[in-house]
């Protein structure tokens, strides 16, 4: 397990430093201080190895999100959830490359991921719709807009703020927490109700177990996909 973890770590470092297209299995093996055959002992292909890198980063982000939700039920609100995800995004270069579709880093891996992870991506979409549905049932988000449209709006706002990190360099507030707060305020204004802090906390506490269960299930699916990339 330690050897496998080291290979993943080195692969992630090289992905960011060189980009997917330039990284070779030989270089990963050399830097991880293992034989090339050892890398292929764990992963059948270069694609499988780097899909595992990307999935592991996503899984770690899911786990941090779950920790926040379990510790403070209002973290299930879209504004709070996206604020946390945005902060994770700022602190994790692989996440930044993924969410901004960085071709220099990901190369053709992004197309491979979309093809190989179609089922997982679809499950993520369904989970988010169900998440919004639970919040609507508890009066925490507006119900005057179709839930699919709410999902689209949420994803569009996230995409705008995430890609804005590159496109609006030098024009955005300097402090990362200020940018995260602006995102949270935007999402809250667009989608959430405002029943008051105490009422929101009570409703969030009632809704949290179901929302947390959704994200626990999705984390398990991600972990299963990581394992699927490993050679049997």
C-alpha atoms as a PDB file:
ATOM      1  CA  UNK A   1       0.000   0.000   0.000  1.00  0.00           C
ATOM      2  CA  UNK A   2       2.842   2.402   0.815  1.00  0.00           C
ATOM      3  CA  UNK A   3       4.468   1.709  -2.541  1.00  0.00           C
ATOM      4  CA  UNK A   4       1.182   2.274  -4.359  1.00  0.00           C
ATOM      5  CA  UNK A   5       0.619   5.526  -2.444  1.00  0.00           C
ATOM      6  CA  UNK A   6       4.123   6.711  -3.336  1.00  0.00           C
ATOM      7  CA  UNK A   7       3.548   6.017  -7.026  1.00  0.00           C
ATOM      8  CA  UNK A   8       0.274   7.989  -6.917  1.00  0.00           C
ATOM      9  CA  UNK A   9       1.999  10.866  -5.135  1.00  0.00           C
ATOM     10  CA  UNK A  10       4.803  11.045  -7.690  1.00  0.00           C
ATOM     11  CA  UNK A  11       2.358  10.763 -10.583  1.00  0.00           C
ATOM     12  CA  UNK A  12       0.361  13.689  -9.175  1.00  0.00           C
ATOM     13  CA  UNK A  13       3.491  15.799  -8.780  1.00  0.00           C
ATOM     14  CA  UNK A  14       4.600  15.120 -12.345  1.00  0.00           C
ATOM     15  CA  UNK A  15       1.089  15.731 -13.704  1.00  0.00           C
ATOM     16  CA  UNK A  16       1.231  19.260 -12.324  1.00  0.00           C
ATOM     17  CA  UNK A  17       4.857  19.902 -13.245  1.00  0.00           C
ATOM     18  CA  UNK A  18       4.915  18.507 -16.774  1.00  0.00           C
ATOM     19  CA  UNK A  19       1.319  17.857 -17.846  1.00  0.00           C
ATOM     20  CA  UNK A  20      -0.194  14.504 -18.667  1.00  0.00           C
ATOM     21  CA  UNK A  21       1.085  14.212 -22.234  1.00  0.00           C
ATOM     22  CA  UNK A  22       4.764  14.633 -21.263  1.00  0.00           C
ATOM     23  CA  UNK A  23       4.833  12.323 -18.253  1.00  0.00           C
ATOM     24  CA  UNK A  24       6.083   8.798 -18.840  1.00  0.00           C
ATOM     25  CA  UNK A  25       5.760   5.669 -16.740  1.00  0.00           C
ATOM     26  CA  UNK A  26       9.572   5.397 -16.817  1.00  0.00           C
ATOM     27  CA  UNK A  27       9.910   8.808 -15.124  1.00  0.00           C
ATOM     28  CA  UNK A  28       7.250   7.991 -12.531  1.00  0.00           C
ATOM     29  CA  UNK A  29       9.034   4.733 -11.705  1.00  0.00           C
ATOM     30  CA  UNK A  30      12.430   6.447 -11.475  1.00  0.00           C
ATOM     31  CA  UNK A  31      11.199   9.142  -9.099  1.00  0.00           C
ATOM     32  CA  UNK A  32       9.173   6.701  -7.019  1.00  0.00           C
ATOM     33  CA  UNK A  33      12.285   4.492  -6.817  1.00  0.00           C
ATOM     34  CA  UNK A  34      10.533   1.413  -8.162  1.00  0.00           C
ATOM     35  CA  UNK A  35      10.831  -0.594 -11.336  1.00  0.00           C
ATOM     36  CA  UNK A  36       8.664   0.231 -14.336  1.00  0.00           C
ATOM     37  CA  UNK A  37       7.149  -3.227 -14.013  1.00  0.00           C
ATOM     38  CA  UNK A  38       6.069  -2.385 -10.473  1.00  0.00           C
ATOM     39  CA  UNK A  39       3.964   0.506 -11.740  1.00  0.00           C
ATOM     40  CA  UNK A  40       2.275  -1.809 -14.234  1.00  0.00           C
ATOM     41  CA  UNK A  41       1.818  -4.362 -11.466  1.00  0.00           C
ATOM     42  CA  UNK A  42      -0.678  -1.926  -9.900  1.00  0.00           C
ATOM     43  CA  UNK A  43      -2.133  -0.178 -12.977  1.00  0.00           C
ATOM     44  CA  UNK A  44      -2.692  -1.640 -16.426  1.00  0.00           C
ATOM     45  CA  UNK A  45      -2.149   1.617 -18.280  1.00  0.00           C
ATOM     46  CA  UNK A  46      -0.951   5.178 -17.867  1.00  0.00           C
ATOM     47  CA  UNK A  47      -4.574   6.302 -18.183  1.00  0.00           C
ATOM     48  CA  UNK A  48      -5.651   4.040 -15.315  1.00  0.00           C
ATOM     49  CA  UNK A  49      -2.891   5.413 -13.087  1.00  0.00           C
ATOM     50  CA  UNK A  50      -3.758   9.043 -13.739  1.00  0.00           C
ATOM     51  CA  UNK A  51      -7.487   8.441 -13.441  1.00  0.00           C
ATOM     52  CA  UNK A  52      -6.688   7.058  -9.991  1.00  0.00           C
ATOM     53  CA  UNK A  53      -4.739  10.247  -9.205  1.00  0.00           C
ATOM     54  CA  UNK A  54      -7.687  12.439 -10.190  1.00  0.00           C
ATOM     55  CA  UNK A  55     -10.235  10.263  -8.385  1.00  0.00           C
ATOM     56  CA  UNK A  56      -8.165  10.208  -5.206  1.00  0.00           C
ATOM     57  CA  UNK A  57      -8.051  14.007  -5.129  1.00  0.00           C
ATOM     58  CA  UNK A  58     -11.823  14.104  -5.620  1.00  0.00           C
ATOM     59  CA  UNK A  59     -12.342  11.520  -2.897  1.00  0.00           C
ATOM     60  CA  UNK A  60     -10.249  13.553  -0.454  1.00  0.00           C
ATOM     61  CA  UNK A  61     -12.334  16.638  -1.272  1.00  0.00           C
ATOM     62  CA  UNK A  62     -15.523  14.625  -0.631  1.00  0.00           C
ATOM     63  CA  UNK A  63     -14.161  13.561   2.731  1.00  0.00           C
ATOM     64  CA  UNK A  64     -13.388  17.130   3.756  1.00  0.00           C
ATOM     65  CA  UNK A  65     -16.887  18.124   2.676  1.00  0.00           C
ATOM     66  CA  UNK A  66     -18.398  15.342   4.794  1.00  0.00           C
ATOM     67  CA  UNK A  67     -16.365  16.438   7.814  1.00  0.00           C
ATOM     68  CA  UNK A  68     -17.751  19.961   7.460  1.00  0.00           C
ATOM     69  CA  UNK A  69     -21.336  18.719   7.089  1.00  0.00           C
ATOM     70  CA  UNK A  70     -21.122  16.400  10.087  1.00  0.00           C
ATOM     71  CA  UNK A  71     -19.612  19.101  12.271  1.00  0.00           C
ATOM     72  CA  UNK A  72     -22.072  21.865  11.284  1.00  0.00           C
ATOM     73  CA  UNK A  73     -25.413  20.958   9.604  1.00  0.00           C
ATOM     74  CA  UNK A  74     -25.817  24.333   7.788  1.00  0.00           C
ATOM     75  CA  UNK A  75     -22.803  23.259   5.707  1.00  0.00           C
ATOM     76  CA  UNK A  76     -25.345  21.287   3.637  1.00  0.00           C
ATOM     77  CA  UNK A  77     -26.641  24.585   2.213  1.00  0.00           C
ATOM     78  CA  UNK A  78     -25.500  25.174  -1.397  1.00  0.00           C
ATOM     79  CA  UNK A  79     -23.801  28.455  -0.472  1.00  0.00           C
ATOM     80  CA  UNK A  80     -21.822  26.890   2.374  1.00  0.00           C
ATOM     81  CA  UNK A  81     -21.075  23.722   0.415  1.00  0.00           C
ATOM     82  CA  UNK A  82     -19.708  25.637  -2.575  1.00  0.00           C
ATOM     83  CA  UNK A  83     -17.698  27.939  -0.349  1.00  0.00           C
ATOM     84  CA  UNK A  84     -15.941  24.914   1.133  1.00  0.00           C
ATOM     85  CA  UNK A  85     -15.425  23.340  -2.275  1.00  0.00           C
ATOM     86  CA  UNK A  86     -14.026  26.609  -3.621  1.00  0.00           C
ATOM     87  CA  UNK A  87     -11.516  26.774  -0.763  1.00  0.00           C
ATOM     88  CA  UNK A  88     -10.518  23.153  -1.467  1.00  0.00           C
ATOM     89  CA  UNK A  89     -10.159  24.097  -5.133  1.00  0.00           C
ATOM     90  CA  UNK A  90      -7.857  27.003  -4.273  1.00  0.00           C
ATOM     91  CA  UNK A  91      -5.658  24.802  -2.105  1.00  0.00           C
ATOM     92  CA  UNK A  92      -5.371  21.776  -4.403  1.00  0.00           C
ATOM     93  CA  UNK A  93      -3.701  22.248  -7.812  1.00  0.00           C
ATOM     94  CA  UNK A  94      -5.093  19.012  -9.274  1.00  0.00           C
ATOM     95  CA  UNK A  95      -8.618  20.136  -8.383  1.00  0.00           C
ATOM     96  CA  UNK A  96      -7.921  23.472 -10.055  1.00  0.00           C
ATOM     97  CA  UNK A  97      -6.820  21.712 -13.221  1.00  0.00           C
ATOM     98  CA  UNK A  98      -9.902  19.484 -13.172  1.00  0.00           C
ATOM     99  CA  UNK A  99     -12.477  22.195 -12.560  1.00  0.00           C
ATOM    100  CA  UNK A 100     -10.956  24.598 -15.077  1.00  0.00           C
ATOM    101  CA  UNK A 101     -10.433  21.900 -17.737  1.00  0.00           C
ATOM    102  CA  UNK A 102      -6.739  22.827 -17.912  1.00  0.00           C
ATOM    103  CA  UNK A 103      -5.531  21.253 -21.171  1.00  0.00           C
ATOM    104  CA  UNK A 104      -1.879  22.046 -20.394  1.00  0.00           C
ATOM    105  CA  UNK A 105      -2.050  19.849 -17.299  1.00  0.00           C
ATOM    106  CA  UNK A 106      -4.655  17.243 -18.207  1.00  0.00           C
ATOM    107  CA  UNK A 107      -4.029  16.859 -21.927  1.00  0.00           C
ATOM    108  CA  UNK A 108      -6.138  14.048 -23.336  1.00  0.00           C
ATOM    109  CA  UNK A 109      -6.728  12.660 -19.832  1.00  0.00           C
ATOM    110  CA  UNK A 110      -9.783  14.884 -19.509  1.00  0.00           C
ATOM    111  CA  UNK A 111     -11.430  13.218 -22.511  1.00  0.00           C
ATOM    112  CA  UNK A 112     -10.487   9.809 -21.146  1.00  0.00           C
ATOM    113  CA  UNK A 113     -11.994  10.665 -17.765  1.00  0.00           C
ATOM    114  CA  UNK A 114     -15.265  11.821 -19.318  1.00  0.00           C
ATOM    115  CA  UNK A 115     -15.483   8.558 -21.246  1.00  0.00           C
ATOM    116  CA  UNK A 116     -14.376   6.202 -18.464  1.00  0.00           C
ATOM    117  CA  UNK A 117     -16.212   7.914 -15.626  1.00  0.00           C
ATOM    118  CA  UNK A 118     -19.552   8.519 -17.365  1.00  0.00           C
ATOM    119  CA  UNK A 119     -21.476   6.506 -14.793  1.00  0.00           C
ATOM    120  CA  UNK A 120     -19.830   8.231 -11.833  1.00  0.00           C
ATOM    121  CA  UNK A 121     -20.399  11.676 -13.353  1.00  0.00           C
ATOM    122  CA  UNK A 122     -24.050  10.814 -13.922  1.00  0.00           C
ATOM    123  CA  UNK A 123     -24.394   9.624 -10.348  1.00  0.00           C
ATOM    124  CA  UNK A 124     -22.901  12.914  -9.156  1.00  0.00           C
ATOM    125  CA  UNK A 125     -25.555  14.810 -11.108  1.00  0.00           C
ATOM    126  CA  UNK A 126     -28.320  12.683  -9.602  1.00  0.00           C
ATOM    127  CA  UNK A 127     -26.892  13.153  -6.114  1.00  0.00           C
ATOM    128  CA  UNK A 128     -26.858  16.930  -6.480  1.00  0.00           C
ATOM    129  CA  UNK A 129     -30.470  16.970  -7.691  1.00  0.00           C
ATOM    130  CA  UNK A 130     -31.517  14.818  -4.754  1.00  0.00           C
ATOM    131  CA  UNK A 131     -29.544  17.090  -2.410  1.00  0.00           C
ATOM    132  CA  UNK A 132     -31.444  20.098  -3.713  1.00  0.00           C
ATOM    133  CA  UNK A 133     -34.688  18.152  -3.449  1.00  0.00           C
ATOM    134  CA  UNK A 134     -34.079  17.416   0.233  1.00  0.00           C
ATOM    135  CA  UNK A 135     -33.349  21.079   0.894  1.00  0.00           C
ATOM    136  CA  UNK A 136     -36.550  22.090  -0.909  1.00  0.00           C
ATOM    137  CA  UNK A 137     -38.533  19.664   1.263  1.00  0.00           C
ATOM    138  CA  UNK A 138     -37.158  21.388   4.350  1.00  0.00           C
ATOM    139  CA  UNK A 139     -37.722  24.923   3.070  1.00  0.00           C
ATOM    140  CA  UNK A 140     -34.023  25.721   2.756  1.00  0.00           C
ATOM    141  CA  UNK A 141     -33.957  26.499  -0.961  1.00  0.00           C
ATOM    142  CA  UNK A 142     -36.562  28.163  -3.140  1.00  0.00           C
ATOM    143  CA  UNK A 143     -39.205  26.051  -4.850  1.00  0.00           C
ATOM    144  CA  UNK A 144     -40.241  28.536  -7.531  1.00  0.00           C
ATOM    145  CA  UNK A 145     -37.746  27.100 -10.011  1.00  0.00           C
ATOM    146  CA  UNK A 146     -37.508  23.592 -11.420  1.00  0.00           C
ATOM    147  CA  UNK A 147     -34.906  21.568  -9.514  1.00  0.00           C
ATOM    148  CA  UNK A 148     -33.049  20.760 -12.744  1.00  0.00           C
ATOM    149  CA  UNK A 149     -32.826  24.473 -13.457  1.00  0.00           C
ATOM    150  CA  UNK A 150     -31.560  25.085  -9.924  1.00  0.00           C
ATOM    151  CA  UNK A 151     -28.899  22.444 -10.473  1.00  0.00           C
ATOM    152  CA  UNK A 152     -27.847  24.106 -13.713  1.00  0.00           C
ATOM    153  CA  UNK A 153     -27.712  27.519 -12.035  1.00  0.00           C
ATOM    154  CA  UNK A 154     -25.607  26.146  -9.191  1.00  0.00           C
ATOM    155  CA  UNK A 155     -23.151  24.476 -11.543  1.00  0.00           C
ATOM    156  CA  UNK A 156     -22.968  27.560 -13.751  1.00  0.00           C
ATOM    157  CA  UNK A 157     -22.165  29.801 -10.792  1.00  0.00           C
ATOM    158  CA  UNK A 158     -19.476  27.400  -9.607  1.00  0.00           C
ATOM    159  CA  UNK A 159     -17.990  27.184 -13.100  1.00  0.00           C
ATOM    160  CA  UNK A 160     -17.917  30.956 -13.383  1.00  0.00           C
ATOM    161  CA  UNK A 161     -16.090  31.469 -10.102  1.00  0.00           C
ATOM    162  CA  UNK A 162     -13.680  28.595 -10.659  1.00  0.00           C
ATOM    163  CA  UNK A 163     -12.678  29.619 -14.174  1.00  0.00           C
ATOM    164  CA  UNK A 164     -12.606  33.236 -13.033  1.00  0.00           C
ATOM    165  CA  UNK A 165      -9.516  32.383 -10.974  1.00  0.00           C
ATOM    166  CA  UNK A 166      -7.589  32.193 -14.239  1.00  0.00           C
ATOM    167  CA  UNK A 167      -9.556  34.531 -16.469  1.00  0.00           C
ATOM    168  CA  UNK A 168      -9.896  37.388 -13.978  1.00  0.00           C
ATOM    169  CA  UNK A 169      -6.397  37.293 -12.530  1.00  0.00           C
ATOM    170  CA  UNK A 170      -5.521  40.736 -11.139  1.00  0.00           C
ATOM    171  CA  UNK A 171      -9.133  41.953 -11.249  1.00  0.00           C
ATOM    172  CA  UNK A 172     -10.593  39.877  -8.401  1.00  0.00           C
ATOM    173  CA  UNK A 173     -10.284  40.599  -4.659  1.00  0.00           C
ATOM    174  CA  UNK A 174      -6.855  39.535  -3.468  1.00  0.00           C
ATOM    175  CA  UNK A 175      -7.902  37.630  -0.354  1.00  0.00           C
ATOM    176  CA  UNK A 176      -9.098  34.076  -1.192  1.00  0.00           C
ATOM    177  CA  UNK A 177     -11.616  34.107   1.659  1.00  0.00           C
ATOM    178  CA  UNK A 178     -13.218  37.245   0.213  1.00  0.00           C
ATOM    179  CA  UNK A 179     -13.673  35.529  -3.168  1.00  0.00           C
ATOM    180  CA  UNK A 180     -15.122  32.492  -1.384  1.00  0.00           C
ATOM    181  CA  UNK A 181     -17.537  34.726   0.533  1.00  0.00           C
ATOM    182  CA  UNK A 182     -18.669  36.424  -2.691  1.00  0.00           C
ATOM    183  CA  UNK A 183     -19.412  33.011  -4.199  1.00  0.00           C
ATOM    184  CA  UNK A 184     -21.387  31.983  -1.109  1.00  0.00           C
ATOM    185  CA  UNK A 185     -23.354  35.246  -1.153  1.00  0.00           C
ATOM    186  CA  UNK A 186     -24.145  34.830  -4.866  1.00  0.00           C
ATOM    187  CA  UNK A 187     -25.420  31.272  -4.424  1.00  0.00           C
ATOM    188  CA  UNK A 188     -27.419  32.191  -1.316  1.00  0.00           C
ATOM    189  CA  UNK A 189     -29.083  35.124  -3.079  1.00  0.00           C
ATOM    190  CA  UNK A 190     -29.975  33.045  -6.134  1.00  0.00           C
ATOM    191  CA  UNK A 191     -31.203  29.806  -4.576  1.00  0.00           C
ATOM    192  CA  UNK A 192     -31.711  29.844  -0.837  1.00  0.00           C
ATOM    193  CA  UNK A 193     -34.507  31.016   1.434  1.00  0.00           C
ATOM    194  CA  UNK A 194     -33.878  33.266   4.435  1.00  0.00           C
ATOM    195  CA  UNK A 195     -36.010  32.012   7.349  1.00  0.00           C
ATOM    196  CA  UNK A 196     -33.560  33.384   9.922  1.00  0.00           C
ATOM    197  CA  UNK A 197     -30.416  31.942  11.438  1.00  0.00           C
ATOM    198  CA  UNK A 198     -32.078  29.833  14.141  1.00  0.00           C
ATOM    199  CA  UNK A 199     -34.788  28.460  11.848  1.00  0.00           C
ATOM    200  CA  UNK A 200     -32.185  27.665   9.206  1.00  0.00           C
ATOM    201  CA  UNK A 201     -30.048  25.818  11.741  1.00  0.00           C
ATOM    202  CA  UNK A 202     -33.027  23.739  12.923  1.00  0.00           C
ATOM    203  CA  UNK A 203     -34.110  22.858   9.384  1.00  0.00           C
ATOM    204  CA  UNK A 204     -30.527  22.037   8.387  1.00  0.00           C
ATOM    205  CA  UNK A 205     -30.185  19.727  11.396  1.00  0.00           C
ATOM    206  CA  UNK A 206     -33.297  17.842  10.260  1.00  0.00           C
ATOM    207  CA  UNK A 207     -32.144  17.604   6.644  1.00  0.00           C
ATOM    208  CA  UNK A 208     -28.466  16.880   7.306  1.00  0.00           C
ATOM    209  CA  UNK A 209     -28.645  13.087   7.900  1.00  0.00           C
ATOM    210  CA  UNK A 210     -30.235  12.464   4.500  1.00  0.00           C
ATOM    211  CA  UNK A 211     -27.849  14.802   2.676  1.00  0.00           C
ATOM    212  CA  UNK A 212     -24.816  13.348   4.443  1.00  0.00           C
ATOM    213  CA  UNK A 213     -25.950   9.846   3.493  1.00  0.00           C
ATOM    214  CA  UNK A 214     -26.037  10.909  -0.166  1.00  0.00           C
ATOM    215  CA  UNK A 215     -22.453  12.125  -0.030  1.00  0.00           C
ATOM    216  CA  UNK A 216     -21.298   9.066   1.883  1.00  0.00           C
ATOM    217  CA  UNK A 217     -22.753   6.876  -0.857  1.00  0.00           C
ATOM    218  CA  UNK A 218     -21.094   8.958  -3.553  1.00  0.00           C
ATOM    219  CA  UNK A 219     -17.752   8.783  -1.730  1.00  0.00           C
ATOM    220  CA  UNK A 220     -18.060   5.003  -1.666  1.00  0.00           C
ATOM    221  CA  UNK A 221     -18.743   4.980  -5.408  1.00  0.00           C
ATOM    222  CA  UNK A 222     -15.644   7.130  -5.981  1.00  0.00           C
ATOM    223  CA  UNK A 223     -13.563   4.804  -3.820  1.00  0.00           C
ATOM    224  CA  UNK A 224     -14.908   1.830  -5.769  1.00  0.00           C
ATOM    225  CA  UNK A 225     -13.883   3.526  -9.011  1.00  0.00           C
ATOM    226  CA  UNK A 226     -10.365   4.128  -7.647  1.00  0.00           C
ATOM    227  CA  UNK A 227     -10.106   0.430  -6.845  1.00  0.00           C
ATOM    228  CA  UNK A 228     -11.431  -0.480 -10.285  1.00  0.00           C
ATOM    229  CA  UNK A 229      -8.481   1.290 -11.877  1.00  0.00           C
ATOM    230  CA  UNK A 230      -6.069  -0.977  -9.977  1.00  0.00           C
ATOM    231  CA  UNK A 231      -4.956  -4.128 -11.755  1.00  0.00           C
ATOM    232  CA  UNK A 232      -6.656  -7.237 -10.380  1.00  0.00           C
END
